PDB file of N, CA and C in Angstrom:
ATOM      1  N   MET A   1     208.738  97.553 -37.705  1.00  0.00           N
ATOM      2  CA  MET A   1     207.840  98.614 -37.302  1.00  0.00           C
ATOM      3  C   MET A   1     208.158  99.875 -38.106  1.00  0.00           C
ATOM      4  N   GLU A   2     207.129 100.471 -38.664  1.00  0.00           N
ATOM      5  CA  GLU A   2     207.359 101.660 -39.493  1.00  0.00           C
ATOM      6  C   GLU A   2     207.531 102.905 -38.637  1.00  0.00           C
ATOM      7  N   LYS A   3     208.270 103.845 -39.176  1.00  0.00           N
ATOM      8  CA  LYS A   3     208.512 105.105 -38.474  1.00  0.00           C
ATOM      9  C   LYS A   3     207.261 105.966 -38.532  1.00  0.00           C
ATOM     10  N   ILE A   4     207.041 106.710 -37.451  1.00  0.00           N
ATOM     11  CA  ILE A   4     205.895 107.610 -37.374  1.00  0.00           C
ATOM     12  C   ILE A   4     206.402 109.035 -37.572  1.00  0.00           C
ATOM     13  N   SER A   5     205.744 109.736 -38.487  1.00  0.00           N
ATOM     14  CA  SER A   5     206.136 111.127 -38.727  1.00  0.00           C
ATOM     15  C   SER A   5     205.510 112.028 -37.664  1.00  0.00           C
ATOM     16  N   PHE A   6     206.040 113.234 -37.569  1.00  0.00           N
ATOM     17  CA  PHE A   6     205.529 114.206 -36.603  1.00  0.00           C
ATOM     18  C   PHE A   6     204.048 114.501 -36.856  1.00  0.00           C
ATOM     19  N   GLU A   7     203.637 114.508 -38.120  1.00  0.00           N
ATOM     20  CA  GLU A   7     202.251 114.798 -38.478  1.00  0.00           C
ATOM     21  C   GLU A   7     201.316 113.673 -38.022  1.00  0.00           C
ATOM     22  N   GLN A   8     201.817 112.441 -37.969  1.00  0.00           N
ATOM     23  CA  GLN A   8     201.003 111.286 -37.579  1.00  0.00           C
ATOM     24  C   GLN A   8     200.905 111.134 -36.054  1.00  0.00           C
ATOM     25  N   LEU A   9     201.729 111.843 -35.331  1.00  0.00           N
ATOM     26  CA  LEU A   9     201.819 111.692 -33.880  1.00  0.00           C
ATOM     27  C   LEU A   9     200.482 111.874 -33.151  1.00  0.00           C
ATOM     28  N   PRO A  10     199.728 112.945 -33.397  1.00  0.00           N
ATOM     29  CA  PRO A  10     198.450 113.096 -32.676  1.00  0.00           C
ATOM     30  C   PRO A  10     197.485 111.928 -32.922  1.00  0.00           C
ATOM     31  N   GLU A  11     197.439 111.475 -34.165  1.00  0.00           N
ATOM     32  CA  GLU A  11     196.554 110.350 -34.506  1.00  0.00           C
ATOM     33  C   GLU A  11     196.995 109.079 -33.780  1.00  0.00           C
ATOM     34  N   MET A  12     198.291 108.833 -33.713  1.00  0.00           N
ATOM     35  CA  MET A  12     198.826 107.644 -33.049  1.00  0.00           C
ATOM     36  C   MET A  12     198.603 107.692 -31.535  1.00  0.00           C
ATOM     37  N   VAL A  13     198.758 108.871 -30.941  1.00  0.00           N
ATOM     38  CA  VAL A  13     198.517 109.026 -29.504  1.00  0.00           C
ATOM     39  C   VAL A  13     197.046 108.754 -29.207  1.00  0.00           C
ATOM     40  N   ALA A  14     196.148 109.276 -30.027  1.00  0.00           N
ATOM     41  CA  ALA A  14     194.715 109.036 -29.840  1.00  0.00           C
ATOM     42  C   ALA A  14     194.405 107.544 -29.934  1.00  0.00           C
ATOM     43  N   LEU A  15     195.017 106.868 -30.892  1.00  0.00           N
ATOM     44  CA  LEU A  15     194.823 105.425 -31.059  1.00  0.00           C
ATOM     45  C   LEU A  15     195.328 104.664 -29.833  1.00  0.00           C
ATOM     46  N   LEU A  16     196.487 105.046 -29.345  1.00  0.00           N
ATOM     47  CA  LEU A  16     197.041 104.407 -28.148  1.00  0.00           C
ATOM     48  C   LEU A  16     196.146 104.627 -26.931  1.00  0.00           C
ATOM     49  N   LEU A  17     195.638 105.841 -26.760  1.00  0.00           N
ATOM     50  CA  LEU A  17     194.749 106.130 -25.641  1.00  0.00           C
ATOM     51  C   LEU A  17     193.477 105.289 -25.711  1.00  0.00           C
ATOM     52  N   GLU A  18     192.943 105.123 -26.901  1.00  0.00           N
ATOM     53  CA  GLU A  18     191.748 104.301 -27.098  1.00  0.00           C
ATOM     54  C   GLU A  18     192.027 102.848 -26.716  1.00  0.00           C
ATOM     55  N   LYS A  19     193.182 102.328 -27.130  1.00  0.00           N
ATOM     56  CA  LYS A  19     193.548 100.954 -26.809  1.00  0.00           C
ATOM     57  C   LYS A  19     193.761 100.766 -25.308  1.00  0.00           C
ATOM     58  N   VAL A  20     194.401 101.725 -24.672  1.00  0.00           N
ATOM     59  CA  VAL A  20     194.627 101.654 -23.225  1.00  0.00           C
ATOM     60  C   VAL A  20     193.288 101.665 -22.493  1.00  0.00           C
ATOM     61  N   GLU A  21     192.358 102.492 -22.941  1.00  0.00           N
ATOM     62  CA  GLU A  21     191.036 102.557 -22.314  1.00  0.00           C
ATOM     63  C   GLU A  21     190.302 101.220 -22.450  1.00  0.00           C
ATOM     64  N   ARG A  22     190.373 100.594 -23.624  1.00  0.00           N
ATOM     65  CA  ARG A  22     189.732  99.289 -23.820  1.00  0.00           C
ATOM     66  C   ARG A  22     190.358  98.237 -22.919  1.00  0.00           C
ATOM     67  N   LEU A  23     191.679  98.245 -22.812  1.00  0.00           N
ATOM     68  CA  LEU A  23     192.363  97.300 -21.929  1.00  0.00           C
ATOM     69  C   LEU A  23     191.980  97.525 -20.476  1.00  0.00           C
ATOM     70  N   GLU A  24     191.883  98.767 -20.075  1.00  0.00           N
ATOM     71  CA  GLU A  24     191.497  99.097 -18.709  1.00  0.00           C
ATOM     72  C   GLU A  24     190.088  98.596 -18.412  1.00  0.00           C
ATOM     73  N   ASN A  25     189.176  98.795 -19.362  1.00  0.00           N
ATOM     74  CA  ASN A  25     187.808  98.282 -19.201  1.00  0.00           C
ATOM     75  C   ASN A  25     187.797  96.768 -19.076  1.00  0.00           C
ATOM     76  N   LEU A  26     188.599  96.108 -19.891  1.00  0.00           N
ATOM     77  CA  LEU A  26     188.676  94.650 -19.817  1.00  0.00           C
ATOM     78  C   LEU A  26     189.164  94.186 -18.452  1.00  0.00           C
ATOM     79  N   LEU A  27     190.174  94.847 -17.941  1.00  0.00           N
ATOM     80  CA  LEU A  27     190.732  94.467 -16.653  1.00  0.00           C
ATOM     81  C   LEU A  27     189.775  94.744 -15.496  1.00  0.00           C
ATOM     82  N   LEU A  28     189.076  95.864 -15.552  1.00  0.00           N
ATOM     83  CA  LEU A  28     188.207  96.263 -14.444  1.00  0.00           C
ATOM     84  C   LEU A  28     186.843  95.589 -14.473  1.00  0.00           C
ATOM     85  N   THR A  29     186.304  95.347 -15.656  1.00  0.00           N
ATOM     86  CA  THR A  29     184.927  94.855 -15.739  1.00  0.00           C
ATOM     87  C   THR A  29     184.791  93.530 -16.469  1.00  0.00           C
ATOM     88  N   GLY A  30     185.795  93.129 -17.200  1.00  0.00           N
ATOM     89  CA  GLY A  30     185.699  91.879 -17.948  1.00  0.00           C
ATOM     90  C   GLY A  30     185.113  92.051 -19.341  1.00  0.00           C
ATOM     91  N   LYS A  31     184.694  93.262 -19.685  1.00  0.00           N
ATOM     92  CA  LYS A  31     184.124  93.494 -21.007  1.00  0.00           C
ATOM     93  C   LYS A  31     184.722  94.755 -21.610  1.00  0.00           C
ATOM     94  N   GLU A  32     184.860  94.748 -22.942  1.00  0.00           N
ATOM     95  CA  GLU A  32     185.452  95.899 -23.628  1.00  0.00           C
ATOM     96  C   GLU A  32     184.604  97.158 -23.527  1.00  0.00           C
ATOM     97  N   ASP A  33     183.270  96.991 -23.505  1.00  0.00           N
ATOM     98  CA  ASP A  33     182.419  98.175 -23.503  1.00  0.00           C
ATOM     99  C   ASP A  33     182.248  98.796 -22.114  1.00  0.00           C
ATOM    100  N   GLY A  34     182.877  98.180 -21.086  1.00  0.00           N
ATOM    101  CA  GLY A  34     182.839  98.762 -19.755  1.00  0.00           C
ATOM    102  C   GLY A  34     181.674  98.311 -18.901  1.00  0.00           C
ATOM    103  N   THR A  35     180.756  97.507 -19.455  1.00  0.00           N
ATOM    104  CA  THR A  35     179.649  97.032 -18.633  1.00  0.00           C
ATOM    105  C   THR A  35     180.174  96.028 -17.619  1.00  0.00           C
ATOM    106  N   VAL A  36     179.628  96.078 -16.436  1.00  0.00           N
ATOM    107  CA  VAL A  36     180.074  95.215 -15.342  1.00  0.00           C
ATOM    108  C   VAL A  36     179.474  93.826 -15.510  1.00  0.00           C
ATOM    109  N   LEU A  37     180.299  92.805 -15.264  1.00  0.00           N
ATOM    110  CA  LEU A  37     179.807  91.429 -15.311  1.00  0.00           C
ATOM    111  C   LEU A  37     178.850  91.200 -14.151  1.00  0.00           C
ATOM    112  N   LYS A  38     177.722  90.547 -14.438  1.00  0.00           N
ATOM    113  CA  LYS A  38     176.756  90.232 -13.388  1.00  0.00           C
ATOM    114  C   LYS A  38     177.315  89.135 -12.496  1.00  0.00           C
ATOM    115  N   GLU A  39     177.081  89.259 -11.203  1.00  0.00           N
ATOM    116  CA  GLU A  39     177.524  88.216 -10.274  1.00  0.00           C
ATOM    117  C   GLU A  39     176.502  87.080 -10.217  1.00  0.00           C
ATOM    118  N   MET A  40     175.210  87.412 -10.227  1.00  0.00           N
ATOM    119  CA  MET A  40     174.169  86.395 -10.187  1.00  0.00           C
ATOM    120  C   MET A  40     173.714  86.084 -11.608  1.00  0.00           C
ATOM    121  N   LEU A  41     173.749  84.807 -11.965  1.00  0.00           N
ATOM    122  CA  LEU A  41     173.398  84.375 -13.311  1.00  0.00           C
ATOM    123  C   LEU A  41     172.144  83.515 -13.291  1.00  0.00           C
ATOM    124  N   THR A  42     171.322  83.660 -14.320  1.00  0.00           N
ATOM    125  CA  THR A  42     170.188  82.760 -14.488  1.00  0.00           C
ATOM    126  C   THR A  42     170.728  81.400 -14.924  1.00  0.00           C
ATOM    127  N   ILE A  43     169.882  80.402 -14.925  1.00  0.00           N
ATOM    128  CA  ILE A  43     170.309  79.066 -15.323  1.00  0.00           C
ATOM    129  C   ILE A  43     170.809  79.068 -16.769  1.00  0.00           C
ATOM    130  N   GLU A  44     170.159  79.860 -17.618  1.00  0.00           N
ATOM    131  CA  GLU A  44     170.567  79.954 -19.021  1.00  0.00           C
ATOM    132  C   GLU A  44     171.954  80.582 -19.143  1.00  0.00           C
ATOM    133  N   GLU A  45     172.149  81.690 -18.426  1.00  0.00           N
ATOM    134  CA  GLU A  45     173.441  82.387 -18.457  1.00  0.00           C
ATOM    135  C   GLU A  45     174.548  81.518 -17.867  1.00  0.00           C
ATOM    136  N   ALA A  46     174.228  80.818 -16.780  1.00  0.00           N
ATOM    137  CA  ALA A  46     175.220  79.953 -16.138  1.00  0.00           C
ATOM    138  C   ALA A  46     175.617  78.802 -17.051  1.00  0.00           C
ATOM    139  N   ALA A  47     174.643  78.208 -17.721  1.00  0.00           N
ATOM    140  CA  ALA A  47     174.940  77.105 -18.641  1.00  0.00           C
ATOM    141  C   ALA A  47     175.842  77.585 -19.774  1.00  0.00           C
ATOM    142  N   GLU A  48     175.546  78.752 -20.316  1.00  0.00           N
ATOM    143  CA  GLU A  48     176.375  79.315 -21.384  1.00  0.00           C
ATOM    144  C   GLU A  48     177.770  79.625 -20.861  1.00  0.00           C
ATOM    145  N   TYR A  49     177.845  80.218 -19.670  1.00  0.00           N
ATOM    146  CA  TYR A  49     179.125  80.564 -19.055  1.00  0.00           C
ATOM    147  C   TYR A  49     179.982  79.318 -18.835  1.00  0.00           C
ATOM    148  N   MET A  50     179.348  78.221 -18.402  1.00  0.00           N
ATOM    149  CA  MET A  50     180.069  76.984 -18.121  1.00  0.00           C
ATOM    150  C   MET A  50     180.331  76.151 -19.371  1.00  0.00           C
ATOM    151  N   GLY A  51     179.626  76.478 -20.450  1.00  0.00           N
ATOM    152  CA  GLY A  51     179.807  75.729 -21.695  1.00  0.00           C
ATOM    153  C   GLY A  51     179.119  74.373 -21.673  1.00  0.00           C
ATOM    154  N   ILE A  52     177.996  74.289 -20.961  1.00  0.00           N
ATOM    155  CA  ILE A  52     177.236  73.045 -20.901  1.00  0.00           C
ATOM    156  C   ILE A  52     175.782  73.336 -21.252  1.00  0.00           C
ATOM    157  N   SER A  53     175.001  72.288 -21.427  1.00  0.00           N
ATOM    158  CA  SER A  53     173.589  72.481 -21.765  1.00  0.00           C
ATOM    159  C   SER A  53     172.796  72.822 -20.512  1.00  0.00           C
ATOM    160  N   LYS A  54     171.628  73.439 -20.717  1.00  0.00           N
ATOM    161  CA  LYS A  54     170.756  73.759 -19.596  1.00  0.00           C
ATOM    162  C   LYS A  54     170.314  72.487 -18.883  1.00  0.00           C
ATOM    163  N   SER A  55     170.031  71.435 -19.657  1.00  0.00           N
ATOM    164  CA  SER A  55     169.567  70.195 -19.034  1.00  0.00           C
ATOM    165  C   SER A  55     170.642  69.600 -18.130  1.00  0.00           C
ATOM    166  N   SER A  56     171.910  69.695 -18.544  1.00  0.00           N
ATOM    167  CA  SER A  56     173.000  69.207 -17.686  1.00  0.00           C
ATOM    168  C   SER A  56     173.058  70.005 -16.392  1.00  0.00           C
ATOM    169  N   LEU A  57     172.856  71.305 -16.497  1.00  0.00           N
ATOM    170  CA  LEU A  57     172.893  72.162 -15.317  1.00  0.00           C
ATOM    171  C   LEU A  57     171.696  71.868 -14.409  1.00  0.00           C
ATOM    172  N   TYR A  58     170.524  71.635 -14.994  1.00  0.00           N
ATOM    173  CA  TYR A  58     169.357  71.272 -14.193  1.00  0.00           C
ATOM    174  C   TYR A  58     169.605  69.953 -13.455  1.00  0.00           C
ATOM    175  N   LYS A  59     170.229  68.978 -14.129  1.00  0.00           N
ATOM    176  CA  LYS A  59     170.540  67.694 -13.482  1.00  0.00           C
ATOM    177  C   LYS A  59     171.510  67.896 -12.328  1.00  0.00           C
ATOM    178  N   MET A  60     172.539  68.715 -12.539  1.00  0.00           N
ATOM    179  CA  MET A  60     173.496  68.999 -11.484  1.00  0.00           C
ATOM    180  C   MET A  60     172.806  69.680 -10.305  1.00  0.00           C
ATOM    181  N   ASN A  61     171.839  70.538 -10.597  1.00  0.00           N
ATOM    182  CA  ASN A  61     171.087  71.220  -9.556  1.00  0.00           C
ATOM    183  C   ASN A  61     170.240  70.218  -8.773  1.00  0.00           C
ATOM    184  N   MET A  62     169.600  69.292  -9.460  1.00  0.00           N
ATOM    185  CA  MET A  62     168.764  68.293  -8.790  1.00  0.00           C
ATOM    186  C   MET A  62     169.596  67.386  -7.880  1.00  0.00           C
ATOM    187  N   ARG A  63     170.851  67.138  -8.261  1.00  0.00           N
ATOM    188  CA  ARG A  63     171.749  66.303  -7.459  1.00  0.00           C
ATOM    189  C   ARG A  63     172.501  67.125  -6.408  1.00  0.00           C
ATOM    190  N   ASN A  64     172.160  68.420  -6.291  1.00  0.00           N
ATOM    191  CA  ASN A  64     172.801  69.338  -5.334  1.00  0.00           C
ATOM    192  C   ASN A  64     174.318  69.340  -5.476  1.00  0.00           C
ATOM    193  N   GLU A  65     174.811  69.339  -6.707  1.00  0.00           N
ATOM    194  CA  GLU A  65     176.246  69.326  -6.957  1.00  0.00           C
ATOM    195  C   GLU A  65     176.880  70.697  -6.840  1.00  0.00           C
ATOM    196  N   LEU A  66     176.090  71.753  -7.034  1.00  0.00           N
ATOM    197  CA  LEU A  66     176.634  73.100  -6.890  1.00  0.00           C
ATOM    198  C   LEU A  66     175.603  74.002  -6.231  1.00  0.00           C
ATOM    199  N   PRO A  67     176.086  75.044  -5.545  1.00  0.00           N
ATOM    200  CA  PRO A  67     175.164  75.916  -4.813  1.00  0.00           C
ATOM    201  C   PRO A  67     174.314  76.767  -5.745  1.00  0.00           C
ATOM    202  N   THR A  68     173.032  76.821  -5.439  1.00  0.00           N
ATOM    203  CA  THR A  68     172.104  77.640  -6.219  1.00  0.00           C
ATOM    204  C   THR A  68     171.253  78.480  -5.279  1.00  0.00           C
ATOM    205  N   TYR A  69     170.589  79.464  -5.853  1.00  0.00           N
ATOM    206  CA  TYR A  69     169.721  80.361  -5.100  1.00  0.00           C
ATOM    207  C   TYR A  69     168.357  80.382  -5.776  1.00  0.00           C
ATOM    208  N   ARG A  70     167.299  80.413  -4.960  1.00  0.00           N
ATOM    209  CA  ARG A  70     165.936  80.449  -5.478  1.00  0.00           C
ATOM    210  C   ARG A  70     165.122  81.518  -4.751  1.00  0.00           C
ATOM    211  N   PRO A  71     165.371  82.784  -5.050  1.00  0.00           N
ATOM    212  CA  PRO A  71     164.550  83.811  -4.398  1.00  0.00           C
ATOM    213  C   PRO A  71     163.109  83.708  -4.903  1.00  0.00           C
ATOM    214  N   GLY A  72     162.183  83.604  -3.991  1.00  0.00           N
ATOM    215  CA  GLY A  72     160.782  83.467  -4.397  1.00  0.00           C
ATOM    216  C   GLY A  72     160.427  82.025  -4.722  1.00  0.00           C
ATOM    217  N   GLY A  73     161.399  81.140  -4.742  1.00  0.00           N
ATOM    218  CA  GLY A  73     161.118  79.724  -4.925  1.00  0.00           C
ATOM    219  C   GLY A  73     161.049  79.204  -6.341  1.00  0.00           C
ATOM    220  N   LYS A  74     161.094  80.050  -7.351  1.00  0.00           N
ATOM    221  CA  LYS A  74     160.947  79.564  -8.724  1.00  0.00           C
ATOM    222  C   LYS A  74     162.249  79.547  -9.500  1.00  0.00           C
ATOM    223  N   ARG A  75     162.658  80.690  -9.981  1.00  0.00           N
ATOM    224  CA  ARG A  75     163.845  80.758 -10.843  1.00  0.00           C
ATOM    225  C   ARG A  75     165.101  80.402 -10.076  1.00  0.00           C
ATOM    226  N   ILE A  76     166.030  79.751 -10.789  1.00  0.00           N
ATOM    227  CA  ILE A  76     167.298  79.329 -10.191  1.00  0.00           C
ATOM    228  C   ILE A  76     168.382  80.320 -10.609  1.00  0.00           C
ATOM    229  N   TYR A  77     169.183  80.731  -9.631  1.00  0.00           N
ATOM    230  CA  TYR A  77     170.304  81.619  -9.891  1.00  0.00           C
ATOM    231  C   TYR A  77     171.573  80.995  -9.336  1.00  0.00           C
ATOM    232  N   LEU A  78     172.693  81.308  -9.978  1.00  0.00           N
ATOM    233  CA  LEU A  78     173.990  80.839  -9.519  1.00  0.00           C
ATOM    234  C   LEU A  78     174.939  82.022  -9.466  1.00  0.00           C
ATOM    235  N   LYS A  79     175.842  82.018  -8.482  1.00  0.00           N
ATOM    236  CA  LYS A  79     176.840  83.079  -8.381  1.00  0.00           C
ATOM    237  C   LYS A  79     178.029  82.729  -9.259  1.00  0.00           C
ATOM    238  N   ARG A  80     178.456  83.696 -10.047  1.00  0.00           N
ATOM    239  CA  ARG A  80     179.602  83.500 -10.936  1.00  0.00           C
ATOM    240  C   ARG A  80     180.839  83.048 -10.137  1.00  0.00           C
ATOM    241  N   SER A  81     181.091  83.672  -8.994  1.00  0.00           N
ATOM    242  CA  SER A  81     182.270  83.324  -8.192  1.00  0.00           C
ATOM    243  C   SER A  81     182.182  81.889  -7.666  1.00  0.00           C
ATOM    244  N   GLU A  82     180.972  81.446  -7.301  1.00  0.00           N
ATOM    245  CA  GLU A  82     180.801  80.064  -6.809  1.00  0.00           C
ATOM    246  C   GLU A  82     180.927  79.052  -7.947  1.00  0.00           C
ATOM    247  N   ILE A  83     180.502  79.441  -9.144  1.00  0.00           N
ATOM    248  CA  ILE A  83     180.692  78.563 -10.309  1.00  0.00           C
ATOM    249  C   ILE A  83     182.185  78.385 -10.551  1.00  0.00           C
ATOM    250  N   ASN A  84     182.928  79.502 -10.535  1.00  0.00           N
ATOM    251  CA  ASN A  84     184.381  79.431 -10.743  1.00  0.00           C
ATOM    252  C   ASN A  84     185.040  78.570  -9.673  1.00  0.00           C
ATOM    253  N   GLU A  85     184.620  78.762  -8.434  1.00  0.00           N
ATOM    254  CA  GLU A  85     185.180  77.989  -7.322  1.00  0.00           C
ATOM    255  C   GLU A  85     184.880  76.500  -7.492  1.00  0.00           C
ATOM    256  N   TRP A  86     183.631  76.185  -7.845  1.00  0.00           N
ATOM    257  CA  TRP A  86     183.227  74.793  -8.034  1.00  0.00           C
ATOM    258  C   TRP A  86     183.993  74.163  -9.195  1.00  0.00           C
ATOM    259  N   MET A  87     184.098  74.891 -10.305  1.00  0.00           N
ATOM    260  CA  MET A  87     184.809  74.355 -11.469  1.00  0.00           C
ATOM    261  C   MET A  87     186.280  74.115 -11.134  1.00  0.00           C
ATOM    262  N   SER A  88     186.883  75.001 -10.353  1.00  0.00           N
ATOM    263  CA  SER A  88     188.285  74.836  -9.965  1.00  0.00           C
ATOM    264  C   SER A  88     188.478  73.648  -9.029  1.00  0.00           C
ATOM    265  N   SER A  89     187.462  73.348  -8.230  1.00  0.00           N
ATOM    266  CA  SER A  89     187.580  72.236  -7.288  1.00  0.00           C
ATOM    267  C   SER A  89     187.426  70.877  -7.970  1.00  0.00           C
ATOM    268  N   GLN A  90     187.024  70.872  -9.214  1.00  0.00           N
ATOM    269  CA  GLN A  90     186.791  69.623  -9.937  1.00  0.00           C
ATOM    270  C   GLN A  90     188.027  69.159 -10.704  1.00  0.00           C
ATOM    271  N   ARG A  91     189.188  69.624 -10.280  1.00  0.00           N
ATOM    272  CA  ARG A  91     190.442  69.294 -10.967  1.00  0.00           C
ATOM    273  C   ARG A  91     190.761  67.815 -10.835  1.00  0.00           C
ATOM    274  N   ARG A  92     191.275  67.250 -11.902  1.00  0.00           N
ATOM    275  CA  ARG A  92     191.741  65.856 -11.898  1.00  0.00           C
ATOM    276  C   ARG A  92     193.241  65.854 -12.132  1.00  0.00           C
ATOM    277  N   ASP A  93     193.931  64.999 -11.394  1.00  0.00           N
ATOM    278  CA  ASP A  93     195.380  64.888 -11.561  1.00  0.00           C
ATOM    279  C   ASP A  93     195.720  64.316 -12.933  1.00  0.00           C
ATOM    280  N   SER A  94     196.836  64.769 -13.482  1.00  0.00           N
ATOM    281  CA  SER A  94     197.312  64.236 -14.757  1.00  0.00           C
ATOM    282  C   SER A  94     197.954  62.872 -14.519  1.00  0.00           C
ATOM    283  N   LYS A  95     198.177  62.160 -15.576  1.00  0.00           N
ATOM    284  CA  LYS A  95     198.814  60.843 -15.489  1.00  0.00           C
ATOM    285  C   LYS A  95     200.190  60.962 -14.827  1.00  0.00           C
ATOM    286  N   ALA A  96     200.949  61.993 -15.196  1.00  0.00           N
ATOM    287  CA  ALA A  96     202.281  62.201 -14.629  1.00  0.00           C
ATOM    288  C   ALA A  96     202.195  62.450 -13.124  1.00  0.00           C
ATOM    289  N   GLU A  97     201.200  63.226 -12.679  1.00  0.00           N
ATOM    290  CA  GLU A  97     201.032  63.490 -11.253  1.00  0.00           C
ATOM    291  C   GLU A  97     200.665  62.223 -10.486  1.00  0.00           C
ATOM    292  N   ILE A  98     199.798  61.406 -11.074  1.00  0.00           N
ATOM    293  CA  ILE A  98     199.407  60.143 -10.437  1.00  0.00           C
ATOM    294  C   ILE A  98     200.616  59.221 -10.324  1.00  0.00           C
ATOM    295  N   GLU A  99     201.425  59.177 -11.373  1.00  0.00           N
ATOM    296  CA  GLU A  99     202.633  58.345 -11.343  1.00  0.00           C
ATOM    297  C   GLU A  99     203.603  58.831 -10.270  1.00  0.00           C
ATOM    298  N   GLN A 100     203.748  60.153 -10.118  1.00  0.00           N
ATOM    299  CA  GLN A 100     204.615  60.711  -9.078  1.00  0.00           C
ATOM    300  C   GLN A 100     204.109  60.336  -7.686  1.00  0.00           C
ATOM    301  N   GLN A 101     202.799  60.398  -7.499  1.00  0.00           N
ATOM    302  CA  GLN A 101     202.208  60.033  -6.219  1.00  0.00           C
ATOM    303  C   GLN A 101     202.442  58.551  -5.920  1.00  0.00           C
ATOM    304  N   ALA A 102     202.331  57.713  -6.945  1.00  0.00           N
ATOM    305  CA  ALA A 102     202.551  56.277  -6.767  1.00  0.00           C
ATOM    306  C   ALA A 102     204.001  55.997  -6.382  1.00  0.00           C
ATOM    307  N   VAL A 103     204.936  56.650  -7.051  1.00  0.00           N
ATOM    308  CA  VAL A 103     206.363  56.468  -6.744  1.00  0.00           C
ATOM    309  C   VAL A 103     206.643  56.924  -5.312  1.00  0.00           C
ATOM    310  N   ALA A 104     206.094  58.067  -4.912  1.00  0.00           N
ATOM    311  CA  ALA A 104     206.298  58.581  -3.558  1.00  0.00           C
ATOM    312  C   ALA A 104     205.701  57.626  -2.522  1.00  0.00           C
ATOM    313  N   TYR A 105     204.521  57.092  -2.814  1.00  0.00           N
ATOM    314  CA  TYR A 105     203.875  56.150  -1.903  1.00  0.00           C
ATOM    315  C   TYR A 105     204.711  54.886  -1.756  1.00  0.00           C
ATOM    316  N   LEU A 106     205.189  54.341  -2.879  1.00  0.00           N
ATOM    317  CA  LEU A 106     205.992  53.118  -2.837  1.00  0.00           C
ATOM    318  C   LEU A 106     207.308  53.352  -2.092  1.00  0.00           C
ATOM    319  N   ALA A 107     207.916  54.521  -2.290  1.00  0.00           N
ATOM    320  CA  ALA A 107     209.160  54.852  -1.592  1.00  0.00           C
ATOM    321  C   ALA A 107     208.913  54.942  -0.084  1.00  0.00           C
ATOM    322  N   LYS A 108     207.792  55.515   0.297  1.00  0.00           N
ATOM    323  CA  LYS A 108     207.443  55.653   1.703  1.00  0.00           C
ATOM    324  C   LYS A 108     207.192  54.279   2.315  1.00  0.00           C
ATOM    325  N   GLN A 109     206.542  53.394   1.586  1.00  0.00           N
ATOM    326  CA  GLN A 109     206.256  52.031   2.068  1.00  0.00           C
ATOM    327  C   GLN A 109     207.544  51.243   2.223  1.00  0.00           C
ATOM    328  N   ALA A 110     208.481  51.460   1.312  1.00  0.00           N
ATOM    329  CA  ALA A 110     209.763  50.745   1.373  1.00  0.00           C
ATOM    330  C   ALA A 110     210.556  51.184   2.596  1.00  0.00           C
ATOM    331  N   ARG A 111     210.498  52.462   2.961  1.00  0.00           N
ATOM    332  CA  ARG A 111     211.199  52.960   4.143  1.00  0.00           C
ATOM    333  C   ARG A 111     210.626  52.415   5.446  1.00  0.00           C
ATOM    334  N   LYS A 112     209.321  52.131   5.446  1.00  0.00           N
ATOM    335  CA  LYS A 112     208.655  51.607   6.630  1.00  0.00           C
ATOM    336  C   LYS A 112     209.125  50.192   6.966  1.00  0.00           C
ATOM    337  N   ARG A 113     209.560  49.438   5.965  1.00  0.00           N
ATOM    338  CA  ARG A 113     209.971  48.037   6.162  1.00  0.00           C
ATOM    339  C   ARG A 113     211.290  47.955   6.742  1.00  0.00           C
TER     340      ARG A 113
END
């Protein structure tokens, strides 16, 4: 790290303040420019947010796999928090976790005998 001279100090403090402000915006709103993240997403926004195609999201909607909202009966909206909750609930155990469960089950069965 290079040394900062006394003359460079005001410029460096200004730079640090700018960086702190950007970090604060990221923490509070999720975006660097300070705009607030929308809670209700259109089907297009939700598909982009989830990283899937619109058609996949429409299929999931038709199968009632995740909660949606239809104010007025036409456009489909999804809540960002419910998408996060749904995605988190879709966790699959790793191979190591399944093996641990199998060992625990077999040990429990052996004790029963």
